[in-house]
């Protein structure tokens, strides 16, 4: 069993690392914790030593568990080490090696196999969150600190976005074309539960600019959270479902508003053996995946309303480091009338959200968030622009923790563009 697991570790990819240390200054966990095992280089060494039998699988646990998976190391690596592949191989091995208790097994099954994969469950969650807010219960919980005994949920409650009811799938949202773009919209599961308004605004922006948008009925969860938790089989199943659903249509692009989910969609091909039919189909799918900022950059946006704000941009790590989308969001931001863009120090440093890292490793996540908020305060904005739901909640949490909620607003780039375009 142990040898079979060790064979799953991507040892070949570890040999590309020349131990130069270029990754160290951009690694949030190395900066925060100041230990080699919390650096990309250190983690690569752990995986290599485990694969060679020099240390046990358990010896990798802490180093791998506390990795954010932001992949900033890949962006600066001079030898193009496939750190993401190394990390995911280690995560899968650690998951399969772990002797899980009943509670953890139940939680994983409930979250990964039941909630995230079931649209009806997600709609119930969405309606529950909406009722929680509209009834005033959230304000009561917040004002009376009712969640104080559970620190992380108490703080998360304060940072929860305003939820609207997600709408049922609508096909052929804009059946007439003028921009010669045919878009398949990927709505996501968490996005459509917590941030349905952003998806709605994105569709309205494209509709206003005469882009044909189709919201297909059989799309599902992208599998990002499952993949990051080592649930590879479930991730493959979800990838196959989405590929099969979208390939029935002749879309120019498959578009999403979620930096993290977009990165998973963009790497579906890595889930399948090269040369197989599914790998070929996955490549065709991933070649069409685009972030909403890339599509809005192609459109001659009607930016008629000025936004008199001093803004910083907090990019999604996976949007930059995996999808390699660096410039399009900034170009859009700089086109908005009256908006003063300020370059935040260490702009691309991870905020510490990283999927559900801020729930599983709350204290470590807050240490990384505090570093980010230090840089925010240097820039002195009154608007933080985000491109991913997890980052959005984390930055709102940072603003709340610093007592700046009356001074700094946090908005997704789609919300900002919608305001400038007069879209409501």
Protein backbone atom coordinates (compact mmCIF):
# COMPACT_ATOMS: atom_id res chain seq x y z
CA UNK A 1 0.00 0.00 0.00
CA UNK A 2 2.74 2.47 0.99
CA UNK A 3 4.78 1.79 -2.16
CA UNK A 4 1.70 2.19 -4.35
CA UNK A 5 1.01 5.55 -2.72
CA UNK A 6 4.62 6.70 -3.06
CA UNK A 7 4.47 5.95 -6.78
CA UNK A 8 1.75 8.59 -7.07
CA UNK A 9 4.13 11.32 -5.94
CA UNK A 10 5.37 13.35 -8.91
CA UNK A 11 9.06 12.81 -8.20
CA UNK A 12 10.12 13.49 -11.80
CA UNK A 13 8.82 17.06 -11.58
CA UNK A 14 10.82 17.65 -8.39
CA UNK A 15 14.10 17.18 -10.27
CA UNK A 16 13.45 20.39 -12.22
CA UNK A 17 13.95 22.41 -9.03
CA UNK A 18 17.53 23.74 -8.81
CA UNK A 19 17.10 25.07 -5.26
CA UNK A 20 17.81 28.65 -6.38
CA UNK A 21 15.38 30.24 -3.92
CA UNK A 22 13.71 32.62 -6.38
CA UNK A 23 10.41 31.37 -4.98
CA UNK A 24 11.11 32.39 -1.39
CA UNK A 25 10.31 36.15 -1.61
CA UNK A 26 6.92 35.48 -3.25
CA UNK A 27 5.78 32.61 -1.00
CA UNK A 28 3.30 33.91 1.61
CA UNK A 29 3.78 31.00 4.00
CA UNK A 30 7.57 31.28 3.91
CA UNK A 31 7.32 35.02 4.58
CA UNK A 32 4.82 34.46 7.40
CA UNK A 33 6.26 31.38 9.11
CA UNK A 34 9.95 31.74 8.17
CA UNK A 35 10.63 28.00 7.92
CA UNK A 36 12.11 26.12 4.98
CA UNK A 37 9.41 23.44 5.12
CA UNK A 38 6.85 26.18 4.46
CA UNK A 39 8.56 27.27 1.23
CA UNK A 40 8.05 25.77 -2.25
CA UNK A 41 11.65 24.59 -2.25
CA UNK A 42 11.22 22.93 1.13
CA UNK A 43 8.00 21.23 0.13
CA UNK A 44 9.57 19.94 -3.08
CA UNK A 45 12.36 18.42 -0.98
CA UNK A 46 9.80 16.82 1.34
CA UNK A 47 7.98 15.20 -1.60
CA UNK A 48 11.23 14.00 -3.15
CA UNK A 49 12.49 12.52 0.13
CA UNK A 50 9.14 10.82 0.80
CA UNK A 51 9.12 9.34 -2.71
CA UNK A 52 12.61 7.95 -2.08
CA UNK A 53 11.58 6.51 1.29
CA UNK A 54 13.92 8.78 3.26
CA UNK A 55 11.03 10.18 5.29
CA UNK A 56 7.51 8.91 5.97
CA UNK A 57 4.40 10.15 4.20
CA UNK A 58 3.32 11.65 7.52
CA UNK A 59 6.49 13.75 7.60
CA UNK A 60 5.15 15.71 4.62
CA UNK A 61 1.87 16.51 6.34
CA UNK A 62 2.46 19.90 7.96
CA UNK A 63 4.44 21.40 5.11
CA UNK A 64 1.91 20.36 2.48
CA UNK A 65 -1.19 21.12 4.58
CA UNK A 66 -0.11 24.70 5.22
CA UNK A 67 0.61 25.43 1.56
CA UNK A 68 -1.93 27.90 0.18
CA UNK A 69 -1.58 26.50 -3.33
CA UNK A 70 -1.32 30.06 -4.66
CA UNK A 71 1.40 28.95 -7.13
CA UNK A 72 3.17 32.31 -7.10
CA UNK A 73 6.36 30.25 -7.13
CA UNK A 74 5.54 29.03 -10.65
CA UNK A 75 5.32 32.58 -11.98
CA UNK A 76 8.87 33.46 -10.87
CA UNK A 77 10.53 30.04 -11.32
CA UNK A 78 13.42 30.21 -13.85
CA UNK A 79 13.27 26.46 -14.56
CA UNK A 80 9.46 26.22 -14.89
CA UNK A 81 8.98 23.72 -12.08
CA UNK A 82 5.45 22.28 -12.18
CA UNK A 83 4.88 22.98 -8.50
CA UNK A 84 1.10 22.64 -8.79
CA UNK A 85 1.45 19.08 -10.10
CA UNK A 86 3.89 18.19 -7.31
CA UNK A 87 1.60 19.69 -4.68
CA UNK A 88 -1.54 17.94 -5.96
CA UNK A 89 0.24 14.58 -6.06
CA UNK A 90 1.26 15.06 -2.42
CA UNK A 91 -2.23 16.17 -1.37
CA UNK A 92 -3.77 13.07 -2.95
CA UNK A 93 -1.23 10.76 -1.29
CA UNK A 94 -1.74 12.36 2.12
CA UNK A 95 -5.50 12.04 1.78
CA UNK A 96 -5.32 8.35 0.83
CA UNK A 97 -2.80 7.64 3.59
CA UNK A 98 -4.82 9.35 6.31
CA UNK A 99 -6.86 7.29 8.75
CA UNK A 100 -9.95 9.50 8.83
CA UNK A 101 -12.39 9.48 11.68
CA UNK A 102 -16.13 9.10 11.20
CA UNK A 103 -16.82 12.84 11.57
CA UNK A 104 -14.27 13.83 8.91
CA UNK A 105 -15.60 11.19 6.51
CA UNK A 106 -19.16 12.41 7.02
CA UNK A 107 -18.11 16.05 6.54
CA UNK A 108 -16.25 15.25 3.32
CA UNK A 109 -19.14 13.23 1.96
CA UNK A 110 -21.65 15.94 2.84
CA UNK A 111 -19.58 18.74 1.31
CA UNK A 112 -17.92 17.17 -1.73
CA UNK A 113 -20.30 14.39 -2.80
CA UNK A 114 -23.60 15.91 -1.74
CA UNK A 115 -23.73 19.72 -1.39
CA UNK A 116 -21.33 20.98 -4.06
CA UNK A 117 -22.53 18.49 -6.68
CA UNK A 118 -26.25 19.03 -6.13
CA UNK A 119 -27.84 22.18 -7.54
CA UNK A 120 -31.00 21.69 -5.47
CA UNK A 121 -28.95 21.61 -2.27
CA UNK A 122 -27.06 24.72 -3.38
CA UNK A 123 -30.35 26.51 -4.04
CA UNK A 124 -31.52 25.59 -0.53
CA UNK A 125 -28.25 26.99 0.88
CA UNK A 126 -28.72 30.15 -1.18
CA UNK A 127 -32.30 30.59 0.07
CA UNK A 128 -31.21 29.88 3.63
CA UNK A 129 -28.48 32.54 3.49
CA UNK A 130 -30.91 35.00 1.92
CA UNK A 131 -33.48 34.37 4.67
CA UNK A 132 -30.76 34.63 7.34
CA UNK A 133 -29.89 38.12 6.10
CA UNK A 134 -33.29 39.48 5.09
CA UNK A 135 -34.84 38.43 8.42
CA UNK A 136 -32.31 40.50 10.34
CA UNK A 137 -30.88 37.42 12.05
CA UNK A 138 -27.37 38.14 10.73
CA UNK A 139 -27.42 41.60 12.31
CA UNK A 140 -28.58 40.14 15.63
CA UNK A 141 -25.81 37.53 15.57
CA UNK A 142 -23.27 40.20 14.61
CA UNK A 143 -24.40 42.89 17.08
CA UNK A 144 -24.62 40.51 20.04
CA UNK A 145 -21.49 38.52 19.13
CA UNK A 146 -23.44 35.27 19.38
CA UNK A 147 -20.74 33.38 17.47
CA UNK A 148 -17.93 34.72 19.66
CA UNK A 149 -17.10 31.27 21.11
CA UNK A 150 -16.28 30.09 17.56
CA UNK A 151 -13.83 32.82 16.50
CA UNK A 152 -13.48 31.97 12.83
CA UNK A 153 -17.23 31.72 12.17
CA UNK A 154 -17.84 34.89 14.17
CA UNK A 155 -15.48 36.82 11.91
CA UNK A 156 -16.71 35.13 8.73
CA UNK A 157 -20.28 36.10 9.62
CA UNK A 158 -19.26 39.76 9.70
CA UNK A 159 -17.63 39.46 6.26
CA UNK A 160 -20.48 37.61 4.53
CA UNK A 161 -21.60 39.39 1.35
CA UNK A 162 -25.18 40.50 0.75
CA UNK A 163 -26.85 37.46 -0.79
CA UNK A 164 -29.54 37.59 -3.48
CA UNK A 165 -31.63 34.67 -4.66
CA UNK A 166 -29.93 32.86 -7.53
CA UNK A 167 -32.10 32.49 -10.60
CA UNK A 168 -33.00 29.34 -12.45
CA UNK A 169 -30.96 28.55 -15.54
CA UNK A 170 -31.94 30.66 -18.52
CA UNK A 171 -30.86 29.56 -21.97
CA UNK A 172 -30.04 31.92 -24.82
CA UNK A 173 -30.02 34.99 -22.61
CA UNK A 174 -29.31 37.19 -25.60
CA UNK A 175 -30.27 35.45 -28.85
CA UNK A 176 -29.14 38.27 -31.15
CA UNK A 177 -25.46 38.92 -31.93
CA UNK A 178 -23.54 42.01 -32.86
CA UNK A 179 -20.12 41.50 -31.33
CA UNK A 180 -19.55 38.15 -33.05
CA UNK A 181 -18.97 36.45 -29.70
CA UNK A 182 -20.82 33.36 -28.54
CA UNK A 183 -20.32 32.74 -24.83
CA UNK A 184 -21.05 29.70 -22.70
CA UNK A 185 -21.41 31.04 -19.16
CA UNK A 186 -20.06 28.98 -16.25
CA UNK A 187 -21.86 30.06 -13.10
CA UNK A 188 -20.07 27.98 -10.44
CA UNK A 189 -21.61 26.62 -7.25
CA UNK A 190 -20.25 28.80 -4.43
CA UNK A 191 -20.44 31.83 -6.71
CA UNK A 192 -24.09 31.21 -7.46
CA UNK A 193 -24.89 30.69 -3.77
CA UNK A 194 -23.02 33.62 -2.21
CA UNK A 195 -22.47 35.97 -5.17
CA UNK A 196 -25.36 35.36 -7.56
CA UNK A 197 -25.57 39.13 -8.07
CA UNK A 198 -22.11 39.18 -9.67
CA UNK A 199 -23.01 36.45 -12.15
CA UNK A 200 -26.21 38.34 -12.93
CA UNK A 201 -24.31 41.60 -13.49
CA UNK A 202 -21.75 39.87 -15.72
CA UNK A 203 -24.52 38.52 -17.92
CA UNK A 204 -26.23 41.93 -18.03
CA UNK A 205 -22.97 43.63 -19.06
CA UNK A 206 -22.49 41.20 -21.92
CA UNK A 207 -26.16 41.47 -22.88
CA UNK A 208 -25.93 45.28 -22.96
CA UNK A 209 -22.99 45.00 -25.36
CA UNK A 210 -24.78 42.53 -27.65
CA UNK A 211 -22.80 39.41 -26.80
CA UNK A 212 -24.67 36.12 -27.14
CA UNK A 213 -24.62 34.39 -23.75
CA UNK A 214 -25.92 30.90 -23.05
CA UNK A 215 -26.29 29.44 -19.57
CA UNK A 216 -26.36 25.71 -20.26
CA UNK A 217 -28.55 23.48 -18.05
CA UNK A 218 -26.21 20.56 -17.32
CA UNK A 219 -23.12 22.36 -16.03
CA UNK A 220 -21.94 21.45 -12.54
CA UNK A 221 -19.34 22.16 -9.88
CA UNK A 222 -15.86 22.66 -11.37
CA UNK A 223 -14.23 20.38 -8.78
CA UNK A 224 -11.74 22.91 -7.39
CA UNK A 225 -12.42 22.26 -3.71
CA UNK A 226 -12.49 18.51 -4.27
CA UNK A 227 -9.18 18.62 -6.13
CA UNK A 228 -7.50 20.70 -3.43
CA UNK A 229 -8.71 18.18 -0.85
CA UNK A 230 -7.15 15.23 -2.71
CA UNK A 231 -10.47 13.89 -4.00
CA UNK A 232 -9.09 13.19 -7.48
CA UNK A 233 -11.72 10.66 -8.57
CA UNK A 234 -14.52 13.11 -7.79
CA UNK A 235 -12.67 15.89 -9.64
CA UNK A 236 -12.33 13.71 -12.74
CA UNK A 237 -16.04 12.84 -12.59
CA UNK A 238 -17.01 16.52 -12.42
CA UNK A 239 -14.59 17.43 -15.22
CA UNK A 240 -16.09 14.78 -17.49
CA UNK A 241 -19.59 16.05 -16.75
CA UNK A 242 -18.70 19.65 -17.62
CA UNK A 243 -16.70 18.77 -20.72
CA UNK A 244 -19.55 16.62 -22.04
CA UNK A 245 -22.08 19.36 -21.29
CA UNK A 246 -20.23 22.20 -23.02
CA UNK A 247 -18.91 20.34 -26.06
CA UNK A 248 -22.47 20.00 -27.34
CA UNK A 249 -22.38 23.73 -28.14
CA UNK A 250 -20.24 25.71 -30.55
CA UNK A 251 -19.12 28.42 -28.13
CA UNK A 252 -16.24 30.77 -28.85
CA UNK A 253 -15.42 30.91 -25.16
CA UNK A 254 -16.47 29.38 -21.84
CA UNK A 255 -16.54 32.29 -19.41
CA UNK A 256 -16.60 32.54 -15.61
CA UNK A 257 -16.31 35.24 -12.94
CA UNK A 258 -14.33 33.09 -10.50
CA UNK A 259 -10.52 33.14 -10.54
CA UNK A 260 -10.17 29.90 -8.58
CA UNK A 261 -12.76 27.90 -10.50
CA UNK A 262 -11.43 29.22 -13.78
CA UNK A 263 -8.00 27.84 -12.93
CA UNK A 264 -9.44 24.37 -12.33
CA UNK A 265 -11.40 24.50 -15.59
CA UNK A 266 -8.22 25.64 -17.34
CA UNK A 267 -6.34 22.56 -16.14
CA UNK A 268 -8.90 19.83 -16.83
CA UNK A 269 -6.50 18.32 -19.36
CA UNK A 270 -4.08 17.44 -16.53
CA UNK A 271 -6.66 15.05 -15.09
CA UNK A 272 -6.48 12.69 -18.06
CA UNK A 273 -3.74 10.56 -19.60
CA UNK A 274 -2.25 12.21 -22.72
CA UNK A 275 -3.30 10.45 -25.91
CA UNK A 276 -6.69 9.37 -24.58
CA UNK A 277 -10.00 10.55 -25.96
CA UNK A 278 -10.87 12.36 -22.73
CA UNK A 279 -7.55 14.20 -22.77
CA UNK A 280 -8.24 15.44 -26.29
CA UNK A 281 -11.73 16.56 -25.30
CA UNK A 282 -10.35 18.26 -22.18
CA UNK A 283 -7.77 20.18 -24.23
CA UNK A 284 -10.50 21.45 -26.55
CA UNK A 285 -12.49 22.54 -23.49
CA UNK A 286 -9.61 24.27 -21.70
CA UNK A 287 -8.62 26.18 -24.83
CA UNK A 288 -11.97 27.98 -24.63
CA UNK A 289 -11.90 28.87 -20.91
CA UNK A 290 -11.67 32.61 -20.23
CA UNK A 291 -12.07 34.89 -17.24
CA UNK A 292 -14.78 37.56 -17.49
CA UNK A 293 -12.10 40.28 -17.51
CA UNK A 294 -10.66 38.84 -20.72
CA UNK A 295 -14.05 39.02 -22.42
CA UNK A 296 -14.79 42.53 -21.16
CA UNK A 297 -11.40 43.59 -22.51
CA UNK A 298 -12.51 42.42 -25.97
CA UNK A 299 -15.69 44.49 -25.84
CA UNK A 300 -15.86 48.23 -26.46
CA UNK A 301 -17.42 48.87 -23.06
CA UNK A 302 -19.76 51.81 -22.70
CA UNK A 303 -18.13 53.26 -19.56
CA UNK A 304 -20.31 56.33 -19.16
CA UNK A 305 -20.36 56.80 -15.38
CA UNK A 306 -17.38 57.99 -13.38
CA UNK A 307 -16.40 56.37 -10.08
CA UNK A 308 -14.64 58.85 -7.81
CA UNK A 309 -12.61 56.40 -5.75
CA UNK A 310 -9.02 55.56 -4.90
CA UNK A 311 -8.80 51.87 -5.73
CA UNK A 312 -6.37 49.00 -5.29
CA UNK A 313 -6.66 45.68 -7.08
CA UNK A 314 -6.33 42.38 -5.20
CA UNK A 315 -5.82 39.79 -7.96
CA UNK A 316 -6.84 36.19 -7.59
CA UNK A 317 -3.69 34.07 -7.29
CA UNK A 318 -5.11 31.44 -9.61
CA UNK A 319 -6.18 34.05 -12.14
CA UNK A 320 -2.58 35.27 -12.37
CA UNK A 321 -0.42 32.26 -11.59
CA UNK A 322 -2.46 29.55 -13.31
CA UNK A 323 -4.55 31.31 -15.96
CA UNK A 324 -1.78 33.89 -16.58
CA UNK A 325 -4.26 36.77 -16.70
CA UNK A 326 -2.30 39.76 -15.44
CA UNK A 327 -3.12 42.81 -17.54
CA UNK A 328 -6.77 42.64 -18.62
CA UNK A 329 -8.26 43.49 -15.19
CA UNK A 330 -5.87 46.42 -14.79
CA UNK A 331 -6.64 47.73 -18.28
CA UNK A 332 -10.34 47.68 -17.44
CA UNK A 333 -9.82 49.40 -14.10
CA UNK A 334 -7.71 52.13 -15.67
CA UNK A 335 -10.39 52.84 -18.30
CA UNK A 336 -13.03 53.76 -15.72
CA UNK A 337 -13.61 57.54 -15.61
CA UNK A 338 -12.52 59.30 -12.40
CA UNK A 339 -11.26 56.07 -10.81
CA UNK A 340 -7.78 56.58 -9.39
CA UNK A 341 -5.87 53.28 -9.44
CA UNK A 342 -3.15 52.87 -6.80
CA UNK A 343 -0.58 50.08 -7.08
CA UNK A 344 -0.63 48.25 -3.75
CA UNK A 345 2.73 47.01 -2.41
CA UNK A 346 3.10 43.26 -3.05
CA UNK A 347 -0.20 43.34 -4.93
CA UNK A 348 0.08 39.73 -6.05
CA UNK A 349 0.79 38.31 -2.58
CA UNK A 350 -1.94 35.85 -1.59
CA UNK A 351 -4.57 37.19 0.82
CA UNK A 352 -4.75 33.87 2.69
CA UNK A 353 -8.20 32.73 1.56
CA UNK A 354 -7.08 29.88 -0.72
CA UNK A 355 -10.36 28.01 -1.11
CA UNK A 356 -11.26 26.87 2.41
CA UNK A 357 -7.75 27.37 3.86
CA UNK A 358 -9.13 30.25 5.96
CA UNK A 359 -11.55 27.80 7.58
CA UNK A 360 -9.22 24.81 7.97
CA UNK A 361 -6.22 26.91 9.05
CA UNK A 362 -7.82 30.05 10.42
CA UNK A 363 -4.96 31.40 12.53
CA UNK A 364 -2.37 30.90 9.79
CA UNK A 365 -4.73 32.48 7.27
CA UNK A 366 -5.23 35.53 9.48
CA UNK A 367 -1.47 35.99 9.82
CA UNK A 368 -1.21 36.13 6.03
CA UNK A 369 -4.25 38.42 5.81
CA UNK A 370 -2.65 40.80 8.31
CA UNK A 371 0.38 41.09 5.99
CA UNK A 372 -1.98 41.94 3.14
CA UNK A 373 -3.88 44.52 5.16
CA UNK A 374 -0.59 46.17 6.15
CA UNK A 375 -0.02 46.79 2.43
CA UNK A 376 -3.60 47.99 1.96
CA UNK A 377 -3.13 50.60 4.67
CA UNK A 378 0.05 51.83 2.99
CA UNK A 379 -1.89 52.39 -0.25
CA UNK A 380 -4.79 54.13 1.56
CA UNK A 381 -7.62 53.19 -0.83
CA UNK A 382 -11.34 53.54 -0.25
CA UNK A 383 -12.06 50.70 -2.68
CA UNK A 384 -10.57 47.21 -2.98
CA UNK A 385 -11.33 45.48 -6.29
CA UNK A 386 -11.31 41.67 -6.35
CA UNK A 387 -11.71 38.94 -8.97
CA UNK A 388 -12.60 35.85 -6.93
CA UNK A 389 -15.27 35.13 -4.27
CA UNK A 390 -12.85 33.69 -1.71
CA UNK A 391 -10.54 36.70 -2.03
CA UNK A 392 -13.58 38.98 -1.80
CA UNK A 393 -14.73 37.51 1.52
CA UNK A 394 -11.17 37.46 2.86
CA UNK A 395 -10.52 41.10 1.98
CA UNK A 396 -13.86 42.10 3.52
CA UNK A 397 -12.81 40.17 6.60
CA UNK A 398 -9.51 42.09 6.62
CA UNK A 399 -11.35 45.40 6.40
CA UNK A 400 -13.63 44.35 9.28
CA UNK A 401 -10.68 43.21 11.42
CA UNK A 402 -8.95 46.55 10.90
CA UNK A 403 -12.10 48.52 11.77
CA UNK A 404 -12.16 50.11 8.31
CA UNK A 405 -15.56 48.94 7.05
CA UNK A 406 -16.87 52.53 7.00
CA UNK A 407 -13.87 53.72 5.01
CA UNK A 408 -13.08 50.94 2.52
CA UNK A 409 -15.52 49.13 0.24
CA UNK A 410 -14.74 45.72 -1.29
CA UNK A 411 -16.18 45.02 -4.75
CA UNK A 412 -15.73 42.42 -7.46
CA UNK A 413 -14.42 43.85 -10.73
CA UNK A 414 -17.74 42.95 -12.36
CA UNK A 415 -19.58 45.17 -9.86
CA UNK A 416 -17.25 48.07 -10.61
CA UNK A 417 -17.57 47.71 -14.39
CA UNK A 418 -21.35 47.37 -14.06
CA UNK A 419 -21.51 50.62 -12.09
CA UNK A 420 -19.42 52.40 -14.72
CA UNK A 421 -21.65 51.00 -17.49
CA UNK A 422 -24.87 51.93 -15.70
CA UNK A 423 -25.89 48.29 -15.36
CA UNK A 424 -27.97 47.35 -12.32
